[in-house]
Amino acid sequence: MSSGLRLWLVTVLLFPLGLHAQQPAANDNNVDTEKTAGVKKPAERLPLEDLRIFADAFNQIRQSYVEEVDDRELLQNAIRGMLEGLDPHSAYLDEESLNELQESTTGEFAGLGLEVGMENGFLRVITPIDDTPASKAGIKAGDIIVQLNDKPTKGMSLDEAVNMMRGKKGSSIKMTLARESEPKPIELTLTRDLIKVVSVRSKTLEAGYGYIRIAQFQSDTGNEFAKAVEKLKKSEKPLKGIVLDLRNNPGGVLQAAVAVVDTVLDGGLVVYTEGRVPNSQSRFGAQAGDTLNGAPIVVLINGGSASASEIVAGALQDHKRAVIVGVDTFGKGSVQTILPLSETRAVKLTTARYFTPNGRSIQAQGIKPDIVIEQAKLETVKGDMRVTEADLSGHLRNNQDETEENNSQRRKKNADGDNLRSEDNQLFDALNLLKGLSIYQNTAQARNAPPIPAGDVEE
């Protein structure tokens, strides 16, 4: 290898290293790296001999690889490899990847509707997004994508796999999945569609009990959540509590998660982050004022709940503002920062870990529910075999419930409950828990209320 080529390579490599090394060095006066919890002393500068080895490897590839490779492509692959070797979430973003990331935060892009990540070289489904080709095909959190269009995903980069799954609306892709509960691989053909992620949905489960589903944390999710709460409060009956569904929510914008907690928390710390540099150490709090005025909240989580979802669940759990039910969350407790390299390229770099108000790190641990409720498929026995007083011949009628209209409403309510129990047992149990919390809260308030003055008692 010529000395001129080696000097050129070393110069190219040293320039970005020196540029990005300047920021932490400039902040050394402000941060005591030895005293920062869990932070190691900065490593020494890369030895020149190691740079020479890298330059030699670069030259060997240029000269001996079976096909000619562009020098710029080699350097970009080197950057990509550096970042992918750090953790599953750091990545090099070329122009296409950067645009896709921006699209995902606004909630509209073309593809299958999957949040995926690499685990031990395998492509793992973090969660399918609601009402997308992936969720409609029955893909579940935890599935391993073994093949895409008959091409094994083992050894693929995350960017390569994502690019294969994305495409024009109406085009199709074959996918082979491995699922722990299934003895054989699952083969699917999915048709790509325009993915419009509706961040917040809400409805009334029963009179006085609301349901809010957050599918993904986008830039305006906080405002949408607050509007959903106000809409439920305007229902015919007073709002007694809500079920907040964060299942299969892969996360998203951190500030949106903070805004959601702020809506239902009467002040206090929501989340804080810790990293090596001062600008990665932040604290986010809620302002005084609880939109629900203390009405109970039950939060639903599962293994597809990650990142910002875990921030919300962890904050509400630490402040004892909600009861968390379901199963353990995914455990992504790290913060990624987009650091521009040019107008069209950037690196997504893990810069900090985040912690719940009580100082719990979620990284690789997740949020554990207060009450474990596994997802199950329940089936009701055809034909109700229960016998009640109303079934007995000649039973006395209930004068307060003797109209056919009231009986019809009662039957419909029971049928709705049976449907919910069989379709979504976790939500069914969450609703029943919410009712219990509301009853307990009202009972406690009644116990603490002053006695009714004698003059106000009707005789």
Protein backbone atom coordinates (compact mmCIF):
# COMPACT_ATOMS: atom_id res chain seq x y z
CA MET A 1 0.00 0.00 0.00
CA SER A 2 1.47 3.38 -0.99
CA SER A 3 2.29 5.92 1.72
CA GLY A 4 0.19 8.52 -0.14
CA LEU A 5 -2.96 6.38 -0.02
CA ARG A 6 -2.39 5.50 3.65
CA LEU A 7 -1.91 9.19 4.54
CA TRP A 8 -5.12 10.08 2.69
CA LEU A 9 -7.11 7.40 4.52
CA VAL A 10 -5.75 8.34 7.93
CA THR A 11 -6.54 12.00 7.26
CA VAL A 12 -10.14 11.17 6.23
CA LEU A 13 -10.62 8.98 9.29
CA LEU A 14 -9.07 11.41 11.75
CA PHE A 15 -11.13 14.38 10.66
CA PRO A 16 -14.55 13.10 11.78
CA LEU A 17 -13.06 11.47 14.87
CA GLY A 18 -11.44 14.73 15.90
CA LEU A 19 -14.56 16.75 15.09
CA HIS A 20 -16.88 14.66 17.27
CA ALA A 21 -14.28 14.19 19.99
CA GLN A 22 -14.06 17.93 20.51
CA GLN A 23 -17.53 18.25 22.08
CA PRO A 24 -17.00 15.85 25.01
CA ALA A 25 -13.49 17.24 25.50
CA ALA A 26 -14.85 20.77 25.72
CA ASN A 27 -17.36 19.65 28.34
CA ASP A 28 -14.80 17.92 30.59
CA ASN A 29 -14.80 20.96 32.90
CA ASN A 30 -18.53 20.63 33.46
CA VAL A 31 -18.83 16.87 33.94
CA ASP A 32 -16.94 14.74 36.41
CA THR A 33 -16.91 11.50 34.43
CA GLU A 34 -15.63 9.45 37.38
CA LYS A 35 -18.49 10.58 39.64
CA THR A 36 -21.29 10.21 37.07
CA ALA A 37 -23.23 7.04 37.90
CA GLY A 38 -22.47 4.18 35.56
CA VAL A 39 -20.21 6.23 33.29
CA LYS A 40 -16.67 5.10 32.49
CA LYS A 41 -13.70 7.40 31.98
CA PRO A 42 -13.30 8.45 28.33
CA ALA A 43 -11.19 6.02 26.35
CA GLU A 44 -7.79 7.13 25.02
CA ARG A 45 -7.53 8.31 21.45
CA LEU A 46 -7.40 5.57 18.85
CA PRO A 47 -3.77 4.40 18.39
CA LEU A 48 -2.24 5.19 15.01
CA GLU A 49 -1.35 1.51 14.50
CA ASP A 50 -5.05 0.54 14.61
CA LEU A 51 -5.85 3.22 12.05
CA ARG A 52 -3.15 1.78 9.81
CA ILE A 53 -4.70 -1.70 10.13
CA PHE A 54 -8.05 -0.23 9.13
CA ALA A 55 -6.45 1.54 6.18
CA ASP A 56 -4.73 -1.70 5.11
CA ALA A 57 -8.05 -3.58 5.28
CA PHE A 58 -9.69 -0.82 3.25
CA ASN A 59 -6.98 -1.11 0.59
CA GLN A 60 -7.18 -4.93 0.49
CA ILE A 61 -10.92 -4.71 -0.18
CA ARG A 62 -10.39 -2.11 -2.93
CA GLN A 63 -7.78 -4.20 -4.68
CA SER A 64 -8.87 -7.81 -4.11
CA TYR A 65 -12.65 -7.94 -3.73
CA VAL A 66 -14.29 -9.97 -6.50
CA GLU A 67 -16.08 -6.88 -7.81
CA GLU A 68 -14.95 -3.27 -7.92
CA VAL A 69 -16.31 -1.26 -5.01
CA ASP A 70 -16.66 2.50 -4.84
CA ASP A 71 -14.46 4.11 -2.17
CA ARG A 72 -17.34 6.25 -0.90
CA GLU A 73 -19.58 3.20 -0.50
CA LEU A 74 -16.83 1.44 1.48
CA LEU A 75 -16.47 4.38 3.84
CA GLN A 76 -20.23 4.61 4.38
CA ASN A 77 -20.33 0.88 5.12
CA ALA A 78 -17.52 1.40 7.63
CA ILE A 79 -19.52 4.11 9.40
CA ARG A 80 -22.61 1.92 9.30
CA GLY A 81 -20.68 -0.99 10.81
CA MET A 82 -19.27 1.23 13.58
CA LEU A 83 -22.75 2.26 14.67
CA GLU A 84 -24.41 -1.14 14.32
CA GLY A 85 -21.70 -2.62 16.53
CA LEU A 86 -22.65 -0.31 19.42
CA ASP A 87 -26.25 -1.34 20.14
CA PRO A 88 -29.43 -2.30 18.23
CA HIS A 89 -30.70 1.29 18.01
CA SER A 90 -27.70 3.30 16.79
CA ALA A 91 -27.60 3.57 13.01
CA TYR A 92 -26.24 5.45 10.02
CA LEU A 93 -29.00 7.32 8.17
CA ASP A 94 -28.56 7.99 4.48
CA GLU A 95 -30.97 10.31 2.68
CA GLU A 96 -33.66 7.64 2.24
CA SER A 97 -33.43 6.41 5.84
CA LEU A 98 -33.54 9.97 7.16
CA ASN A 99 -36.69 10.71 5.17
CA GLU A 100 -38.31 7.50 6.41
CA LEU A 101 -37.56 8.44 10.02
CA GLN A 102 -39.16 11.86 9.53
CA GLU A 103 -42.20 10.21 7.94
CA SER A 104 -42.64 7.82 10.88
CA THR A 105 -42.86 10.69 13.38
CA THR A 106 -45.64 12.32 11.34
CA GLY A 107 -47.50 9.02 11.06
CA GLU A 108 -47.68 8.38 7.30
CA PHE A 109 -45.53 6.11 5.14
CA ALA A 110 -45.80 3.20 2.71
CA GLY A 111 -45.07 -0.35 3.85
CA LEU A 112 -46.36 -3.17 6.04
CA GLY A 113 -46.76 -1.44 9.42
CA LEU A 114 -44.12 -3.23 11.48
CA GLU A 115 -41.72 -2.04 14.14
CA VAL A 116 -38.68 -4.35 13.97
CA GLY A 117 -35.24 -4.70 15.51
CA MET A 118 -32.19 -6.95 15.33
CA GLU A 119 -31.61 -9.53 18.08
CA ASN A 120 -28.57 -11.82 17.88
CA GLY A 121 -28.53 -11.42 14.12
CA PHE A 122 -32.23 -12.23 13.71
CA LEU A 123 -34.96 -9.83 12.62
CA ARG A 124 -37.45 -9.64 15.48
CA VAL A 125 -40.89 -8.02 15.47
CA ILE A 126 -41.17 -5.46 18.26
CA THR A 127 -44.79 -4.75 17.45
CA PRO A 128 -47.26 -4.54 14.56
CA ILE A 129 -48.98 -1.18 14.16
CA ASP A 130 -52.77 -1.05 14.49
CA ASP A 131 -54.91 -1.46 11.34
CA THR A 132 -52.02 -2.18 8.97
CA PRO A 133 -51.27 -5.15 6.67
CA ALA A 134 -49.00 -6.59 9.37
CA SER A 135 -51.58 -6.50 12.17
CA LYS A 136 -54.38 -7.73 9.89
CA ALA A 137 -52.21 -10.70 8.85
CA GLY A 138 -51.87 -11.72 12.51
CA ILE A 139 -48.17 -10.91 12.98
CA LYS A 140 -47.37 -10.69 16.70
CA ALA A 141 -44.77 -9.03 18.89
CA GLY A 142 -41.85 -11.41 19.36
CA ASP A 143 -42.17 -13.14 15.98
CA ILE A 144 -38.85 -13.77 14.21
CA ILE A 145 -38.83 -12.88 10.50
CA VAL A 146 -36.82 -15.71 8.99
CA GLN A 147 -37.16 -14.89 5.28
CA LEU A 148 -38.26 -12.03 3.07
CA ASN A 149 -39.11 -13.06 -0.50
CA ASP A 150 -37.29 -16.37 0.10
CA LYS A 151 -34.15 -14.48 1.14
CA PRO A 152 -32.87 -15.33 4.65
CA THR A 153 -32.77 -12.34 7.00
CA LYS A 154 -29.90 -13.84 9.02
CA GLY A 155 -26.92 -11.60 8.32
CA MET A 156 -29.00 -8.76 6.88
CA SER A 157 -28.53 -5.28 8.25
CA LEU A 158 -31.59 -3.66 9.80
CA ASP A 159 -31.65 -1.01 7.04
CA GLU A 160 -31.57 -3.69 4.34
CA ALA A 161 -34.48 -5.57 5.91
CA VAL A 162 -36.55 -2.41 6.37
CA ASN A 163 -35.90 -1.36 2.76
CA MET A 164 -37.09 -4.77 1.55
CA MET A 165 -40.33 -4.50 3.53
CA ARG A 166 -41.10 -1.00 2.33
CA GLY A 167 -42.32 -0.40 -1.20
CA LYS A 168 -45.06 0.93 -3.39
CA LYS A 169 -48.67 0.65 -2.30
CA GLY A 170 -50.26 -2.48 -3.76
CA SER A 171 -47.02 -4.41 -4.18
CA SER A 172 -46.64 -7.69 -2.29
CA ILE A 173 -43.94 -9.44 -0.31
CA LYS A 174 -43.59 -12.99 0.99
CA MET A 175 -42.61 -13.44 4.60
CA THR A 176 -41.68 -16.48 6.67
CA LEU A 177 -42.05 -16.21 10.44
CA ALA A 178 -40.93 -18.31 13.38
CA ARG A 179 -43.15 -18.14 16.47
CA GLU A 180 -42.38 -19.77 19.79
CA SER A 181 -45.89 -21.20 20.15
CA GLU A 182 -45.97 -22.66 16.64
CA PRO A 183 -44.09 -25.88 15.71
CA LYS A 184 -43.80 -24.95 12.02
CA PRO A 185 -42.77 -21.72 10.22
CA ILE A 186 -45.61 -19.40 9.27
CA GLU A 187 -45.68 -18.32 5.62
CA LEU A 188 -47.52 -15.14 4.68
CA THR A 189 -47.96 -12.93 1.64
CA LEU A 190 -48.63 -9.31 2.55
CA THR A 191 -49.70 -6.44 0.33
CA ARG A 192 -48.06 -3.12 1.08
CA ASP A 193 -50.30 -0.18 1.82
CA LEU A 194 -50.09 3.46 2.79
CA ILE A 195 -49.61 3.37 6.55
CA LYS A 196 -51.50 6.14 8.28
CA VAL A 197 -50.91 5.72 11.97
CA VAL A 198 -53.81 7.14 13.98
CA SER A 199 -52.05 8.00 17.20
CA VAL A 200 -55.04 8.27 19.57
CA ARG A 201 -58.42 6.56 19.54
CA SER A 202 -61.09 6.74 22.21
CA LYS A 203 -64.51 5.32 23.00
CA THR A 204 -66.86 4.62 25.89
CA LEU A 205 -66.69 1.04 27.15
CA GLU A 206 -69.64 1.43 29.48
CA ALA A 207 -71.49 4.44 30.83
CA GLY A 208 -68.93 6.42 32.84
CA TYR A 209 -65.93 4.32 31.82
CA GLY A 210 -63.71 5.47 28.96
CA TYR A 211 -61.07 3.81 26.80
CA ILE A 212 -58.12 5.56 25.15
CA ARG A 213 -55.75 3.74 22.83
CA ILE A 214 -52.37 5.27 21.94
CA ALA A 215 -50.84 3.37 19.01
CA GLN A 216 -47.67 5.44 18.69
CA PHE A 217 -46.28 8.65 20.19
CA GLN A 218 -46.18 11.27 17.45
CA SER A 219 -45.47 14.97 17.68
CA ASP A 220 -49.13 15.90 18.38
CA THR A 221 -50.09 12.90 20.54
CA GLY A 222 -50.18 14.95 23.75
CA ASN A 223 -52.80 17.34 22.35
CA GLU A 224 -54.83 14.47 20.86
CA PHE A 225 -54.82 12.64 24.19
CA ALA A 226 -56.03 15.74 26.05
CA LYS A 227 -58.84 16.19 23.50
CA ALA A 228 -59.84 12.53 23.89
CA VAL A 229 -60.11 12.96 27.67
CA GLU A 230 -62.27 16.07 27.27
CA LYS A 231 -64.51 14.26 24.79
CA LEU A 232 -65.07 11.40 27.23
CA LYS A 233 -65.81 13.87 30.03
CA LYS A 234 -68.65 15.33 27.93
CA SER A 235 -70.49 12.00 27.77
CA GLU A 236 -73.98 11.70 29.25
CA LYS A 237 -72.71 10.25 32.54
CA PRO A 238 -69.77 11.64 34.55
CA LEU A 239 -66.45 10.03 33.70
CA LYS A 240 -65.52 7.62 36.50
CA GLY A 241 -62.18 6.48 35.05
CA ILE A 242 -60.31 5.41 31.91
CA VAL A 243 -58.42 2.43 30.56
CA LEU A 244 -55.24 3.64 28.79
CA ASP A 245 -54.15 1.02 26.26
CA LEU A 246 -50.40 1.08 25.46
CA ARG A 247 -50.15 -2.50 24.19
CA ASN A 248 -47.99 -2.92 21.08
CA ASN A 249 -47.05 0.75 21.20
CA PRO A 250 -43.40 0.94 20.02
CA GLY A 251 -42.83 4.44 21.43
CA GLY A 252 -41.93 7.53 19.45
CA VAL A 253 -41.47 11.14 20.47
CA LEU A 254 -40.30 11.56 24.08
CA GLN A 255 -41.97 14.96 24.55
CA ALA A 256 -45.31 13.43 23.52
CA ALA A 257 -45.03 10.83 26.29
CA VAL A 258 -44.30 13.57 28.81
CA ALA A 259 -47.33 15.55 27.58
CA VAL A 260 -49.63 12.53 28.07
CA VAL A 261 -48.45 12.05 31.66
CA ASP A 262 -48.75 15.79 32.28
CA THR A 263 -52.43 15.64 31.34
CA VAL A 264 -53.36 13.26 34.18
CA LEU A 265 -50.66 13.96 36.78
CA ASP A 266 -50.93 16.80 39.27
CA GLY A 267 -47.30 17.87 39.03
CA GLY A 268 -44.06 16.01 39.69
CA LEU A 269 -41.16 14.41 37.83
CA VAL A 270 -42.08 12.34 34.75
CA VAL A 271 -38.71 11.05 33.51
CA TYR A 272 -35.05 11.96 33.55
CA THR A 273 -32.12 11.00 31.34
CA GLU A 274 -28.42 10.48 32.03
CA GLY A 275 -25.57 10.36 29.53
CA ARG A 276 -21.93 11.32 29.10
CA VAL A 277 -22.42 14.89 27.93
CA PRO A 278 -24.40 17.63 29.71
CA ASN A 279 -27.01 18.04 26.97
CA SER A 280 -27.99 14.39 27.40
CA GLN A 281 -28.84 14.95 31.07
CA SER A 282 -32.40 16.23 31.26
CA ARG A 283 -35.39 16.21 33.58
CA PHE A 284 -38.99 16.39 32.40
CA GLY A 285 -41.81 17.26 34.79
CA ALA A 286 -45.58 17.70 34.85
CA GLN A 287 -47.30 20.93 35.76
CA ALA A 288 -49.99 21.16 38.41
CA GLY A 289 -53.47 20.22 37.27
CA ASP A 290 -55.00 16.79 36.64
CA THR A 291 -57.57 16.82 33.83
CA LEU A 292 -59.24 13.71 35.28
CA ASN A 293 -59.43 15.22 38.78
CA GLY A 294 -58.07 12.05 40.33
CA ALA A 295 -60.41 9.60 38.56
CA PRO A 296 -58.76 6.15 38.46
CA ILE A 297 -56.65 4.97 35.52
CA VAL A 298 -55.79 1.42 34.47
CA VAL A 299 -52.90 1.12 31.99
CA LEU A 300 -52.63 -1.91 29.71
CA ILE A 301 -49.10 -3.02 28.64
CA ASN A 302 -47.48 -6.01 26.94
CA GLY A 303 -44.23 -7.13 25.36
CA GLY A 304 -44.79 -4.79 22.42
CA SER A 305 -44.92 -1.70 24.65
CA ALA A 306 -41.55 0.02 24.31
CA SER A 307 -39.65 3.25 24.85
CA ALA A 308 -42.10 6.17 25.26
CA SER A 309 -44.84 3.72 26.29
CA GLU A 310 -42.63 2.55 29.13
CA ILE A 311 -41.98 6.14 30.18
CA VAL A 312 -45.72 6.75 30.54
CA ALA A 313 -46.39 3.48 32.37
CA GLY A 314 -43.36 3.90 34.64
CA ALA A 315 -44.20 7.47 35.60
CA LEU A 316 -47.84 6.72 36.39
CA GLN A 317 -46.77 3.62 38.34
CA ASP A 318 -44.15 5.46 40.41
CA HIS A 319 -46.59 8.26 41.26
CA LYS A 320 -49.26 5.64 42.10
CA ARG A 321 -51.53 7.46 39.68
CA ALA A 322 -52.52 4.31 37.78
CA VAL A 323 -52.65 0.55 38.15
CA ILE A 324 -50.52 -1.17 35.49
CA VAL A 325 -51.88 -4.48 34.17
CA GLY A 326 -50.80 -6.94 31.49
CA VAL A 327 -47.33 -8.46 31.04
CA ASP A 328 -43.74 -7.14 31.12
CA THR A 329 -42.87 -4.49 28.55
CA PHE A 330 -40.09 -4.65 25.94
CA GLY A 331 -37.38 -2.91 27.98
CA LYS A 332 -36.01 -0.17 25.72
CA GLY A 333 -34.68 2.39 28.14
CA SER A 334 -32.27 4.31 25.92
CA VAL A 335 -32.49 7.68 24.19
CA GLN A 336 -31.46 8.16 20.55
CA THR A 337 -30.36 11.53 19.20
CA ILE A 338 -30.25 12.44 15.51
CA LEU A 339 -26.87 14.05 14.83
CA PRO A 340 -26.65 15.58 11.32
CA LEU A 341 -23.53 14.87 9.26
CA SER A 342 -24.75 16.83 6.23
CA GLU A 343 -28.04 18.04 4.79
CA THR A 344 -28.94 14.52 3.66
CA ARG A 345 -27.11 12.25 6.11
CA ALA A 346 -27.08 11.77 9.86
CA VAL A 347 -26.34 9.29 12.60
CA LYS A 348 -28.92 8.05 15.05
CA LEU A 349 -26.83 7.63 18.18
CA THR A 350 -27.75 6.30 21.61
CA THR A 351 -26.76 9.18 23.87
CA ALA A 352 -28.47 8.49 27.20
CA ARG A 353 -30.51 6.15 29.37
CA TYR A 354 -33.81 7.24 30.79
CA PHE A 355 -35.10 6.60 34.30
CA THR A 356 -38.52 6.62 35.94
CA PRO A 357 -39.22 9.19 38.70
CA ASN A 358 -38.10 6.66 41.36
CA GLY A 359 -34.79 6.09 39.56
CA ARG A 360 -35.61 2.80 37.85
CA SER A 361 -33.75 2.03 34.64
CA ILE A 362 -36.02 0.36 32.12
CA GLN A 363 -33.17 -0.75 29.86
CA ALA A 364 -33.37 -4.52 29.25
CA GLN A 365 -35.72 -4.80 32.27
CA GLY A 366 -38.98 -3.23 31.17
CA ILE A 367 -41.95 -2.22 33.29
CA LYS A 368 -43.47 -4.98 35.38
CA PRO A 369 -47.24 -4.76 35.79
CA ASP A 370 -48.87 -4.40 39.18
CA ILE A 371 -51.27 -7.16 38.14
CA VAL A 372 -50.21 -9.80 35.61
CA ILE A 373 -52.89 -10.59 33.03
CA GLU A 374 -51.84 -12.80 30.14
CA GLN A 375 -53.50 -12.53 26.75
CA ALA A 376 -55.81 -15.50 26.31
CA LYS A 377 -58.41 -16.72 23.89
CA LEU A 378 -61.64 -17.31 25.80
CA GLU A 379 -64.71 -19.00 24.42
CA THR A 380 -68.10 -18.97 26.05
CA VAL A 381 -70.14 -22.16 26.12
CA LYS A 382 -73.00 -22.05 23.64
CA GLY A 383 -76.31 -21.94 25.41
CA ASP A 384 -76.39 -20.30 28.81
CA MET A 385 -76.91 -23.12 31.36
CA ARG A 386 -77.25 -20.81 34.34
CA VAL A 387 -80.58 -20.87 36.19
CA THR A 388 -81.78 -17.75 37.95
CA GLU A 389 -84.97 -16.71 39.77
CA ALA A 390 -86.29 -15.25 36.53
CA ASP A 391 -86.27 -18.75 34.98
CA LEU A 392 -88.55 -20.23 37.62
CA SER A 393 -92.21 -20.69 36.71
CA GLY A 394 -94.48 -18.17 38.40
CA HIS A 395 -91.66 -15.97 39.70
CA LEU A 396 -92.57 -12.56 41.07
CA ARG A 397 -91.91 -9.68 38.69
CA ASN A 398 -89.56 -6.85 39.58
CA ASN A 399 -91.66 -3.71 39.41
CA GLN A 400 -88.60 -1.58 38.86
CA ASP A 401 -87.52 -3.59 35.84
CA GLU A 402 -90.70 -4.89 34.31
CA THR A 403 -90.56 -3.24 30.89
CA GLU A 404 -89.35 -5.17 27.87
CA GLU A 405 -87.13 -2.20 27.02
CA ASN A 406 -85.26 -2.51 30.33
CA ASN A 407 -84.94 -6.26 29.90
CA SER A 408 -83.59 -5.76 26.39
CA GLN A 409 -81.01 -3.26 27.62
CA ARG A 410 -79.92 -5.67 30.36
CA ARG A 411 -79.53 -8.52 27.86
CA LYS A 412 -77.55 -6.31 25.49
CA LYS A 413 -75.21 -5.23 28.30
CA ASN A 414 -74.58 -8.84 29.28
CA ALA A 415 -73.96 -9.79 25.65
CA ASP A 416 -71.51 -6.90 25.21
CA GLY A 417 -69.64 -8.03 28.30
CA ASP A 418 -69.41 -11.60 27.03
CA ASN A 419 -68.13 -10.37 23.66
CA LEU A 420 -65.46 -8.22 25.26
CA ARG A 421 -64.37 -11.08 27.52
CA SER A 422 -63.94 -13.46 24.58
CA GLU A 423 -62.38 -10.91 22.18
CA ASP A 424 -59.98 -9.18 24.59
CA ASN A 425 -59.72 -10.72 28.04
CA GLN A 426 -57.06 -8.21 29.14
CA LEU A 427 -59.32 -5.25 28.37
CA PHE A 428 -62.27 -7.04 30.00
CA ASP A 429 -60.28 -7.53 33.21
CA ALA A 430 -58.95 -3.97 33.05
CA LEU A 431 -62.49 -2.61 32.83
CA ASN A 432 -63.61 -4.66 35.82
CA LEU A 433 -60.59 -3.47 37.79
CA LEU A 434 -61.41 0.13 36.84
CA LYS A 435 -64.95 -0.32 38.12
CA GLY A 436 -63.61 -1.68 41.39
CA LEU A 437 -61.23 1.26 41.79
CA SER A 438 -64.04 3.72 41.09
CA ILE A 439 -66.33 2.06 43.63
CA TYR A 440 -63.55 1.99 46.23
CA GLN A 441 -62.72 5.65 45.58
CA ASN A 442 -66.35 6.71 45.93
CA THR A 443 -66.72 4.63 49.11
CA ALA A 444 -63.60 6.19 50.64
CA GLN A 445 -64.84 9.67 49.78
CA ALA A 446 -68.21 8.89 51.35
CA ARG A 447 -66.52 7.73 54.54
CA ASN A 448 -64.58 10.96 54.79
CA ALA A 449 -67.54 13.18 53.93
CA PRO A 450 -69.15 15.17 56.77
CA PRO A 451 -72.44 13.77 58.13
CA ILE A 452 -75.67 15.04 56.60
CA PRO A 453 -77.21 17.75 58.84
CA ALA A 454 -80.39 16.60 60.55
CA GLY A 455 -82.37 19.43 59.05
CA ASP A 456 -81.62 18.19 55.54
CA VAL A 457 -83.01 14.71 56.11
CA GLU A 458 -86.36 14.17 54.46
CA GLU A 459 -89.00 12.51 56.66
